[in-house]
Amino acid sequence: MVFSSVEFLVFFLPALIVCYFCTPKKFTKCRNLILLLFSLGFYSYGGVKFLGLLFVSIAINYVAALWVNPERSIKVRKTAVALATVGNLALLFYFKYTGFFAEVLNGMGCNLPVPEIILPIGISFYTFQGLSYVVDVYREQAVVQKNPLWVALYIAFFPQLVAGPIVRYVTVAEEIEERHESVDEFYQGLVRFLFGFSKKMLLANSMGEVADAIFALHAGNMATSLAWVGAVAYTFQIYFDFSAYSDMAIGLGRMFGFHFEENFRYPYISRSITEFWRRWHISLSTWFRDYVYIPLGGNRKGSGRHIRNIIVVWFLTGMWHGASWNFILWGLWFCILLLGEKYFWGKWMEKLPSLCRHIYTMLLVIISWVLFRCETLLQVVDYISVLFAVKGTGLADQQTIYYLLQYRWEFIFAFFASLPLKEIPKRFLQKKPDCAVRKTLVFGGAPVLAMMLFMLSYIRLAAGSFNPFIYFRF
């Protein structure tokens, strides 16, 4: 089940709202059980056969956290956190990487069977989330949760279960035990959800239609201009697709009294690759920073160790996204760029005009999404060759004009929606808290606009079938 589906909007969410808010507010435990049961039902809808795997993951992290809390000896705690790490990563490795490494070994001369293993929905997200809970308890940054149902709720809570953001236990620990739902919080969460849904249906899906059509073409049938249209379309698609899901997840959490951290902060306004990764998929980048990069030593032990740590982190970041050489190449691409900015051209770049730095960043980001989108290394080479006019049918063609005209409004709105334009009136209105215009816009304008976009989006949902979520496969 996905948030942008009729089943979720018409049946699941209304049923949950009725059951949850008909339960008296003082019965927080009952409300928690309702959320847990609905979350398990949400996950079962897309893969009931993997529900047992989710329970195993929950059990591993629940038991491990009990053994790593400060009441135990340091030896027991270290053993428990090591076993939890091995257990979590073993599940992830088996389901996500067994087939890939079997193919790699066969390419080196082995003769191993390549198993066809179906990837459980959301395994990368809930594995990292559960493991972070155990490590935080071990570091005494979080208090161990003795109730297994509340650990299950933390890991399996449906808004962030299958596609993030990766939520730290310390972020929601108090809200699991006691939270303060209100009409205002529900309203704010609902508006955030509706805007995220509209972003997904009106922008991400439209850009996805363009990107899928162009990336499906052979390099010999593409002009350079068409290849750039496809790359830019995918650049918009992946941003609006994933950030829309994060918006909906954050909004849904807030409707039920939970506050998740932001996962995107307008990454396409960045003026360096370093800044880009402070703004893009924040929950993942901070996870690798806190649980891999810093434990390896960060940048504290000389440039050699720092370079090694960056390589390890970005190799693992690429692998986290998928068992494929193009994802590894994508991770190493960012590794090279980040090291380059740190040790070579970063200080020189700071002297350039802001516009030049922004063009530099977006050009490299667009190329990175070509690496990410292509399914094979050969396709990567072919597509980039067309981008830079080494291959293809020429510099421009009629197809380019067709897509630009057919989707002109979607491209225009996608461009402006990727900019922090809404922050301008927001800052202005915050300076005038008692202004009548502010109250009208905040309490009237936002929900009216959200509902109008939602109705338009729902019509599109009912009429069409193109509705993928990119990060569901991770």
Protein backbone atom coordinates (compact mmCIF):
# COMPACT_ATOMS: atom_id res chain seq x y z
CA MET A 1 0.00 0.00 0.00
CA VAL A 2 1.25 3.46 -0.82
CA PHE A 3 0.07 6.82 0.47
CA SER A 4 -0.93 7.89 -3.03
CA SER A 5 -3.45 5.09 -3.51
CA VAL A 6 -7.23 4.91 -3.34
CA GLU A 7 -7.01 2.11 -0.77
CA PHE A 8 -4.99 4.26 1.60
CA LEU A 9 -6.94 7.50 1.13
CA VAL A 10 -10.47 6.08 1.11
CA PHE A 11 -10.24 3.11 3.46
CA PHE A 12 -7.06 2.81 5.55
CA LEU A 13 -6.53 6.39 6.74
CA PRO A 14 -10.19 7.21 7.52
CA ALA A 15 -10.58 3.93 9.42
CA LEU A 16 -7.44 4.64 11.44
CA ILE A 17 -8.54 8.20 12.24
CA VAL A 18 -11.94 7.01 13.45
CA CYS A 19 -10.53 4.18 15.60
CA TYR A 20 -7.72 6.32 17.00
CA PHE A 21 -9.62 9.47 17.90
CA CYS A 22 -12.72 7.64 19.14
CA THR A 23 -10.44 6.16 21.80
CA PRO A 24 -10.30 8.57 24.76
CA LYS A 25 -7.16 10.66 24.85
CA LYS A 26 -6.16 9.46 28.31
CA PHE A 27 -5.79 5.89 27.02
CA THR A 28 -2.43 6.40 25.31
CA LYS A 29 -1.59 2.71 25.48
CA CYS A 30 -4.76 1.78 23.63
CA ARG A 31 -4.03 4.39 21.01
CA ASN A 32 -0.52 2.98 20.66
CA LEU A 33 -1.92 -0.51 20.12
CA ILE A 34 -4.28 0.84 17.45
CA LEU A 35 -1.34 2.47 15.66
CA LEU A 36 0.71 -0.73 15.91
CA LEU A 37 -2.07 -2.96 14.57
CA PHE A 38 -2.83 -0.63 11.70
CA SER A 39 0.90 -0.33 10.94
CA LEU A 40 1.25 -4.10 10.75
CA GLY A 41 -1.81 -4.23 8.52
CA PHE A 42 -0.32 -1.50 6.33
CA TYR A 43 2.88 -3.53 5.89
CA SER A 44 1.01 -6.81 5.38
CA TYR A 45 -0.96 -5.31 2.50
CA GLY A 46 2.19 -5.13 0.41
CA GLY A 47 3.89 -8.29 1.61
CA VAL A 48 2.27 -10.40 4.32
CA LYS A 49 4.88 -13.12 3.80
CA PHE A 50 7.56 -10.70 5.02
CA LEU A 51 5.71 -9.79 8.20
CA GLY A 52 7.63 -12.53 10.02
CA LEU A 53 10.92 -10.95 8.93
CA LEU A 54 9.78 -7.62 10.39
CA PHE A 55 8.99 -9.39 13.68
CA VAL A 56 12.45 -10.99 13.68
CA SER A 57 14.06 -7.57 13.18
CA ILE A 58 12.00 -6.12 16.02
CA ALA A 59 12.88 -9.04 18.31
CA ILE A 60 16.62 -8.75 17.59
CA ASN A 61 16.68 -5.07 18.45
CA TYR A 62 14.39 -5.35 21.47
CA VAL A 63 16.44 -8.13 23.10
CA ALA A 64 19.77 -6.55 22.18
CA ALA A 65 18.76 -3.21 23.71
CA LEU A 66 17.93 -4.95 26.99
CA TRP A 67 21.46 -6.35 27.07
CA VAL A 68 23.32 -3.18 26.10
CA ASN A 69 21.76 -0.90 28.71
CA PRO A 70 24.10 0.50 31.39
CA GLU A 71 22.94 -2.01 34.01
CA ARG A 72 25.01 -4.71 32.28
CA SER A 73 28.78 -5.16 32.35
CA ILE A 74 30.77 -3.52 29.58
CA LYS A 75 31.75 -6.92 28.18
CA VAL A 76 28.13 -8.04 27.91
CA ARG A 77 27.13 -4.70 26.38
CA LYS A 78 29.84 -4.84 23.71
CA THR A 79 28.96 -8.43 22.86
CA ALA A 80 25.26 -7.58 22.59
CA VAL A 81 25.77 -4.56 20.34
CA ALA A 82 28.11 -6.60 18.12
CA LEU A 83 25.58 -9.43 17.82
CA ALA A 84 22.78 -6.96 17.09
CA THR A 85 24.87 -5.37 14.35
CA VAL A 86 25.69 -8.74 12.82
CA GLY A 87 22.08 -9.93 13.08
CA ASN A 88 20.59 -6.83 11.49
CA LEU A 89 23.14 -6.62 8.70
CA ALA A 90 22.96 -10.38 8.04
CA LEU A 91 19.24 -10.10 7.31
CA LEU A 92 19.84 -7.10 5.08
CA PHE A 93 22.73 -8.79 3.29
CA TYR A 94 20.84 -12.02 2.62
CA PHE A 95 17.76 -10.42 1.13
CA LYS A 96 19.44 -7.55 -0.68
CA TYR A 97 22.92 -8.64 -1.72
CA THR A 98 23.12 -12.44 -1.97
CA GLY A 99 22.24 -12.54 -5.65
CA PHE A 100 24.56 -9.64 -6.50
CA PHE A 101 27.63 -11.17 -4.85
CA ALA A 102 26.85 -14.57 -6.37
CA GLU A 103 26.93 -12.93 -9.80
CA VAL A 104 30.19 -11.14 -8.95
CA LEU A 105 31.84 -14.39 -7.85
CA ASN A 106 30.57 -16.17 -10.96
CA GLY A 107 32.18 -13.43 -13.02
CA MET A 108 35.46 -14.28 -11.30
CA GLY A 109 35.25 -17.92 -12.33
CA CYS A 110 33.02 -19.50 -9.70
CA ASN A 111 29.94 -21.51 -10.56
CA LEU A 112 27.44 -20.55 -7.88
CA PRO A 113 23.66 -20.65 -8.22
CA VAL A 114 22.14 -17.16 -8.28
CA PRO A 115 19.11 -17.19 -6.00
CA GLU A 116 16.05 -15.16 -6.94
CA ILE A 117 15.22 -13.47 -3.66
CA ILE A 118 12.36 -11.00 -3.45
CA LEU A 119 13.42 -7.86 -1.62
CA PRO A 120 11.17 -7.18 1.40
CA ILE A 121 9.58 -3.73 1.30
CA GLY A 122 11.41 -1.16 3.41
CA ILE A 123 14.07 -3.53 4.78
CA SER A 124 16.87 -0.97 4.36
CA PHE A 125 14.93 1.65 6.31
CA TYR A 126 13.68 -0.39 9.24
CA THR A 127 17.00 -2.23 9.59
CA PHE A 128 18.91 1.02 10.00
CA GLN A 129 16.24 2.40 12.29
CA GLY A 130 16.25 -0.61 14.60
CA LEU A 131 20.05 -0.77 14.71
CA SER A 132 20.29 2.93 15.58
CA TYR A 133 18.04 2.28 18.60
CA VAL A 134 20.38 -0.41 19.95
CA VAL A 135 23.50 1.71 19.39
CA ASP A 136 21.92 4.76 21.03
CA VAL A 137 21.03 2.71 24.12
CA TYR A 138 24.59 1.36 24.17
CA ARG A 139 25.97 4.91 23.98
CA GLU A 140 23.54 5.96 26.76
CA GLN A 141 21.94 8.48 24.41
CA ALA A 142 18.57 6.72 24.76
CA VAL A 143 16.82 4.93 27.60
CA VAL A 144 16.03 1.28 26.95
CA GLN A 145 12.36 0.53 26.29
CA LYS A 146 11.16 -2.43 28.36
CA ASN A 147 7.83 -2.82 26.57
CA PRO A 148 8.32 -4.87 23.36
CA LEU A 149 5.11 -3.47 21.86
CA TRP A 150 6.46 0.07 22.00
CA VAL A 151 9.71 -1.00 20.34
CA ALA A 152 7.56 -2.64 17.67
CA LEU A 153 5.58 0.59 17.28
CA TYR A 154 8.78 2.61 16.91
CA ILE A 155 10.17 0.34 14.18
CA ALA A 156 6.90 -0.51 12.40
CA PHE A 157 5.04 2.82 12.61
CA PHE A 158 3.48 3.01 9.15
CA PRO A 159 4.31 6.61 8.06
CA GLN A 160 8.07 5.94 7.96
CA LEU A 161 8.14 2.13 7.79
CA VAL A 162 8.71 1.45 4.10
CA ALA A 163 10.47 4.55 2.73
CA GLY A 164 11.68 6.63 5.64
CA PRO A 165 12.66 9.06 6.86
CA ILE A 166 14.93 7.09 9.22
CA VAL A 167 13.67 8.16 12.64
CA ARG A 168 15.90 8.02 15.72
CA TYR A 169 14.35 6.50 18.83
CA VAL A 170 15.32 9.55 20.90
CA THR A 171 13.20 11.68 18.57
CA VAL A 172 9.96 9.88 19.42
CA ALA A 173 10.70 8.09 22.73
CA GLU A 174 8.76 10.53 24.89
CA GLU A 175 5.91 10.76 22.39
CA ILE A 176 5.44 6.98 22.43
CA GLU A 177 4.89 7.13 26.18
CA GLU A 178 2.97 10.41 26.29
CA ARG A 179 2.05 12.84 23.52
CA HIS A 180 -0.28 15.75 23.15
CA GLU A 181 -2.50 15.51 20.10
CA SER A 182 -4.53 18.59 19.29
CA VAL A 183 -6.77 19.97 16.58
CA ASP A 184 -4.02 22.39 15.55
CA GLU A 185 -1.42 19.62 15.31
CA PHE A 186 -3.82 17.46 13.29
CA TYR A 187 -4.58 20.39 11.00
CA GLN A 188 -0.88 21.18 10.44
CA GLY A 189 -0.11 17.53 9.75
CA LEU A 190 -3.05 17.15 7.36
CA VAL A 191 -2.05 20.22 5.34
CA ARG A 192 1.53 18.91 5.13
CA PHE A 193 0.21 15.53 3.95
CA LEU A 194 -2.04 17.09 1.31
CA PHE A 195 0.75 19.22 -0.11
CA GLY A 196 3.05 16.19 -0.20
CA PHE A 197 0.39 14.12 -1.95
CA SER A 198 -0.09 16.86 -4.54
CA LYS A 199 3.65 17.17 -5.07
CA LYS A 200 3.80 13.45 -5.75
CA MET A 201 0.83 13.24 -8.11
CA LEU A 202 1.21 16.49 -10.06
CA LEU A 203 4.98 16.88 -10.28
CA ALA A 204 6.83 13.64 -9.52
CA ASN A 205 4.57 11.44 -11.65
CA SER A 206 4.58 13.86 -14.59
CA MET A 207 8.36 14.09 -14.53
CA GLY A 208 8.52 10.31 -14.18
CA GLU A 209 6.54 9.82 -17.37
CA VAL A 210 9.06 11.93 -19.28
CA ALA A 211 12.10 10.31 -17.67
CA ASP A 212 10.87 6.74 -18.18
CA ALA A 213 10.08 7.36 -21.85
CA ILE A 214 13.48 8.90 -22.61
CA PHE A 215 15.63 6.53 -20.55
CA ALA A 216 13.93 3.62 -22.34
CA LEU A 217 15.35 4.80 -25.67
CA HIS A 218 18.54 3.42 -27.16
CA ALA A 219 21.46 5.85 -27.24
CA GLY A 220 21.47 5.70 -31.02
CA ASN A 221 17.91 7.07 -31.10
CA MET A 222 18.50 10.08 -28.86
CA ALA A 223 19.66 13.59 -29.51
CA THR A 224 21.79 15.41 -26.96
CA SER A 225 18.98 17.83 -26.13
CA LEU A 226 16.57 14.94 -25.53
CA ALA A 227 19.04 13.23 -23.20
CA TRP A 228 19.29 16.42 -21.15
CA VAL A 229 15.50 16.70 -20.99
CA GLY A 230 15.35 13.12 -19.68
CA ALA A 231 18.10 13.74 -17.13
CA VAL A 232 16.49 16.95 -15.86
CA ALA A 233 13.09 15.24 -15.70
CA TYR A 234 14.52 12.45 -13.57
CA THR A 235 16.31 15.02 -11.40
CA PHE A 236 12.91 16.56 -10.65
CA GLN A 237 11.17 13.20 -10.37
CA ILE A 238 13.44 11.71 -7.72
CA TYR A 239 13.36 14.88 -5.64
CA PHE A 240 9.61 15.41 -5.72
CA ASP A 241 8.91 11.68 -5.38
CA PHE A 242 11.04 11.16 -2.29
CA SER A 243 10.51 14.56 -0.66
CA ALA A 244 6.76 14.15 -1.22
CA TYR A 245 6.83 10.83 0.61
CA SER A 246 8.78 12.46 3.43
CA ASP A 247 6.24 15.30 3.56
CA MET A 248 3.38 12.81 3.78
CA ALA A 249 5.19 10.75 6.43
CA ILE A 250 5.97 13.83 8.53
CA GLY A 251 2.40 15.08 8.12
CA LEU A 252 0.87 11.74 9.08
CA GLY A 253 3.12 11.48 12.11
CA ARG A 254 2.09 14.93 13.25
CA MET A 255 -1.60 14.10 12.84
CA PHE A 256 -1.13 11.42 15.50
CA GLY A 257 1.14 13.45 17.78
CA PHE A 258 4.61 12.46 16.52
CA HIS A 259 7.22 14.91 15.29
CA PHE A 260 9.77 13.59 12.81
CA GLU A 261 12.85 15.49 11.70
CA GLU A 262 12.95 17.14 8.28
CA ASN A 263 14.45 15.00 5.53
CA PHE A 264 14.95 17.62 2.78
CA ARG A 265 15.84 21.32 2.85
CA TYR A 266 15.68 22.51 -0.76
CA PRO A 267 18.76 20.57 -1.96
CA TYR A 268 18.64 22.03 -5.47
CA ILE A 269 19.62 25.50 -4.26
CA SER A 270 22.99 24.15 -3.07
CA ARG A 271 26.23 25.78 -4.18
CA SER A 272 28.48 22.80 -3.52
CA ILE A 273 28.18 19.04 -3.32
CA THR A 274 28.99 19.26 0.37
CA GLU A 275 26.03 21.56 0.91
CA PHE A 276 23.85 19.34 -1.27
CA TRP A 277 24.35 16.42 1.11
CA ARG A 278 23.46 18.60 4.07
CA ARG A 279 20.10 19.18 2.41
CA TRP A 280 19.33 15.86 0.66
CA HIS A 281 18.02 12.75 2.46
CA ILE A 282 19.17 14.19 5.77
CA SER A 283 18.13 11.19 7.85
CA LEU A 284 20.36 8.85 5.82
CA SER A 285 23.39 11.13 5.60
CA THR A 286 23.28 11.83 9.35
CA TRP A 287 22.85 8.09 10.05
CA PHE A 288 26.06 7.28 8.17
CA ARG A 289 27.79 10.22 9.84
CA ASP A 290 26.84 9.19 13.38
CA TYR A 291 27.08 5.40 13.09
CA VAL A 292 29.87 4.87 10.53
CA TYR A 293 31.93 7.99 9.78
CA ILE A 294 32.46 9.27 13.34
CA PRO A 295 33.11 5.79 14.86
CA LEU A 296 35.77 5.24 12.16
CA GLY A 297 37.49 8.40 13.33
CA GLY A 298 35.94 11.04 11.07
CA ASN A 299 38.54 13.63 10.12
CA ARG A 300 40.33 13.58 13.46
CA LYS A 301 43.22 11.24 12.63
CA GLY A 302 44.91 12.79 9.63
CA SER A 303 44.05 13.18 5.98
CA GLY A 304 44.85 9.56 5.10
CA ARG A 305 42.36 8.13 7.60
CA HIS A 306 39.84 10.81 6.65
CA ILE A 307 40.03 9.85 2.95
CA ARG A 308 39.63 6.19 3.88
CA ASN A 309 36.60 6.96 6.03
CA ILE A 310 34.94 8.98 3.28
CA ILE A 311 35.52 6.15 0.78
CA VAL A 312 34.03 3.58 3.18
CA VAL A 313 30.98 5.74 3.92
CA TRP A 314 30.19 6.46 0.29
CA PHE A 315 30.79 2.92 -0.85
CA LEU A 316 28.30 1.79 1.80
CA THR A 317 25.89 4.60 0.88
CA GLY A 318 25.90 3.40 -2.71
CA MET A 319 25.42 -0.21 -1.63
CA TRP A 320 22.58 0.76 0.71
CA HIS A 321 20.61 2.01 -2.28
CA GLY A 322 20.87 -1.25 -4.16
CA ALA A 323 22.90 -4.30 -5.11
CA SER A 324 24.11 -3.01 -8.45
CA TRP A 325 27.32 -1.60 -9.89
CA ASN A 326 25.62 1.62 -10.92
CA PHE A 327 24.73 2.38 -7.28
CA ILE A 328 28.32 1.69 -6.22
CA LEU A 329 29.51 4.00 -9.00
CA TRP A 330 26.98 6.61 -7.86
CA GLY A 331 28.34 6.46 -4.30
CA LEU A 332 31.97 6.66 -5.41
CA TRP A 333 31.09 9.58 -7.73
CA PHE A 334 29.97 11.61 -4.72
CA CYS A 335 32.98 10.35 -2.75
CA ILE A 336 35.35 11.80 -5.37
CA LEU A 337 33.45 15.09 -5.52
CA LEU A 338 33.36 15.53 -1.75
CA LEU A 339 37.07 14.73 -1.39
CA GLY A 340 37.81 17.07 -4.27
CA GLU A 341 35.96 19.92 -2.58
CA LYS A 342 37.71 19.19 0.69
CA TYR A 343 41.29 18.89 -0.56
CA PHE A 344 41.53 20.44 -4.02
CA TRP A 345 39.06 22.90 -5.52
CA GLY A 346 36.81 23.76 -2.56
CA LYS A 347 38.60 26.96 -1.49
CA TRP A 348 38.95 28.10 -5.09
CA MET A 349 35.23 27.56 -5.62
CA GLU A 350 34.36 29.89 -2.74
CA LYS A 351 35.81 32.77 -4.75
CA LEU A 352 33.44 32.15 -7.66
CA PRO A 353 30.10 33.95 -8.05
CA SER A 354 27.18 32.20 -6.40
CA LEU A 355 25.51 31.46 -9.75
CA CYS A 356 28.62 29.68 -11.07
CA ARG A 357 28.82 27.52 -7.96
CA HIS A 358 25.15 26.65 -8.28
CA ILE A 359 25.54 25.67 -11.96
CA TYR A 360 28.57 23.54 -11.06
CA THR A 361 26.62 21.76 -8.32
CA MET A 362 23.51 21.09 -10.36
CA LEU A 363 25.49 19.83 -13.36
CA LEU A 364 27.26 17.26 -11.19
CA VAL A 365 24.02 16.34 -9.39
CA ILE A 366 22.20 15.77 -12.69
CA ILE A 367 25.01 13.49 -13.87
CA SER A 368 24.79 11.63 -10.56
CA TRP A 369 21.09 10.95 -11.16
CA VAL A 370 21.94 9.53 -14.58
CA LEU A 371 24.23 7.04 -12.79
CA PHE A 372 21.42 6.34 -10.35
CA ARG A 373 18.69 5.89 -12.97
CA CYS A 374 20.53 3.72 -15.49
CA GLU A 375 20.22 -0.02 -14.94
CA THR A 376 23.63 -1.11 -16.27
CA LEU A 377 27.09 0.37 -16.57
CA LEU A 378 26.81 0.12 -20.35
CA GLN A 379 23.66 2.25 -20.27
CA VAL A 380 25.49 4.76 -18.06
CA VAL A 381 28.31 5.08 -20.60
CA ASP A 382 25.89 5.35 -23.53
CA TYR A 383 23.63 7.91 -21.88
CA ILE A 384 26.46 10.16 -20.73
CA SER A 385 28.00 9.89 -24.20
CA VAL A 386 24.78 11.27 -25.65
CA LEU A 387 24.64 14.00 -23.00
CA PHE A 388 28.00 15.30 -24.19
CA ALA A 389 27.33 14.72 -27.91
CA VAL A 390 29.78 11.83 -28.31
CA LYS A 391 26.93 9.57 -29.46
CA GLY A 392 23.36 10.06 -30.59
CA THR A 393 21.45 11.49 -33.51
CA GLY A 394 22.69 15.06 -33.17
CA LEU A 395 22.35 18.07 -30.93
CA ALA A 396 18.56 18.51 -31.14
CA ASP A 397 15.46 16.86 -32.56
CA GLN A 398 11.68 17.10 -32.74
CA GLN A 399 11.18 14.81 -29.73
CA THR A 400 12.85 17.36 -27.49
CA ILE A 401 10.42 20.04 -28.62
CA TYR A 402 7.50 17.65 -28.13
CA TYR A 403 8.37 16.86 -24.50
CA LEU A 404 9.13 20.48 -23.65
CA LEU A 405 5.81 21.63 -25.08
CA GLN A 406 3.75 18.71 -23.80
CA TYR A 407 5.08 19.05 -20.24
CA ARG A 408 5.98 22.73 -20.23
CA TRP A 409 3.82 23.63 -17.23
CA GLU A 410 5.06 20.66 -15.22
CA PHE A 411 8.69 21.66 -15.86
CA ILE A 412 7.95 25.27 -14.93
CA PHE A 413 6.12 24.39 -11.72
CA ALA A 414 8.76 21.80 -10.81
CA PHE A 415 11.48 24.42 -11.17
CA PHE A 416 9.74 26.95 -8.93
CA ALA A 417 8.60 24.30 -6.44
CA SER A 418 12.23 23.26 -5.91
CA LEU A 419 13.05 26.79 -4.71
CA PRO A 420 12.30 28.08 -1.19
CA LEU A 421 9.85 30.68 -2.49
CA LYS A 422 7.32 29.96 0.22
CA GLU A 423 9.85 31.02 2.84
CA ILE A 424 9.65 34.64 1.66
CA PRO A 425 6.00 35.30 2.65
CA LYS A 426 6.42 32.97 5.61
CA ARG A 427 9.21 35.11 7.09
CA PHE A 428 7.23 38.26 6.38
CA LEU A 429 4.12 36.94 8.09
CA GLN A 430 6.09 35.69 11.10
CA LYS A 431 7.12 39.28 11.77
CA LYS A 432 3.45 40.25 12.05
CA PRO A 433 1.86 37.63 14.34
CA ASP A 434 -1.26 39.71 14.96
CA CYS A 435 -1.79 40.78 11.37
CA ALA A 436 -5.27 39.94 10.03
CA VAL A 437 -3.81 39.07 6.62
CA ARG A 438 -1.48 36.58 8.28
CA LYS A 439 -4.29 34.86 10.13
CA THR A 440 -6.34 34.66 6.94
CA LEU A 441 -3.51 33.17 4.91
CA VAL A 442 -2.32 30.74 7.58
CA PHE A 443 -5.71 29.47 8.71
CA GLY A 444 -7.61 29.93 5.47
CA GLY A 445 -5.34 30.16 2.47
CA ALA A 446 -3.11 27.15 3.16
CA PRO A 447 -5.90 24.58 3.70
CA VAL A 448 -7.94 25.91 0.77
CA LEU A 449 -4.95 25.64 -1.56
CA ALA A 450 -4.08 22.22 -0.14
CA MET A 451 -7.61 20.94 -0.73
CA MET A 452 -7.73 22.32 -4.26
CA LEU A 453 -4.44 20.64 -5.14
CA PHE A 454 -5.58 17.45 -3.43
CA MET A 455 -8.80 17.31 -5.46
CA LEU A 456 -6.86 17.85 -8.67
CA SER A 457 -4.36 15.19 -7.62
CA TYR A 458 -7.08 12.71 -6.69
CA ILE A 459 -8.71 13.14 -10.09
CA ARG A 460 -5.37 12.32 -11.66
CA LEU A 461 -4.96 9.33 -9.34
CA ALA A 462 -8.37 7.96 -10.28
CA ALA A 463 -7.76 8.50 -13.99
CA GLY A 464 -4.21 7.17 -14.33
CA SER A 465 -2.08 4.16 -13.49
CA PHE A 466 1.44 5.65 -13.44
CA ASN A 467 2.13 5.94 -9.72
CA PRO A 468 5.53 4.53 -8.69
CA PHE A 469 7.46 5.37 -5.54
CA ILE A 470 11.19 5.25 -6.32
CA TYR A 471 12.45 4.62 -2.78
CA PHE A 472 10.08 1.70 -2.14
CA ARG A 473 12.65 -0.60 -3.74
CA PHE A 474 15.27 0.28 -1.17
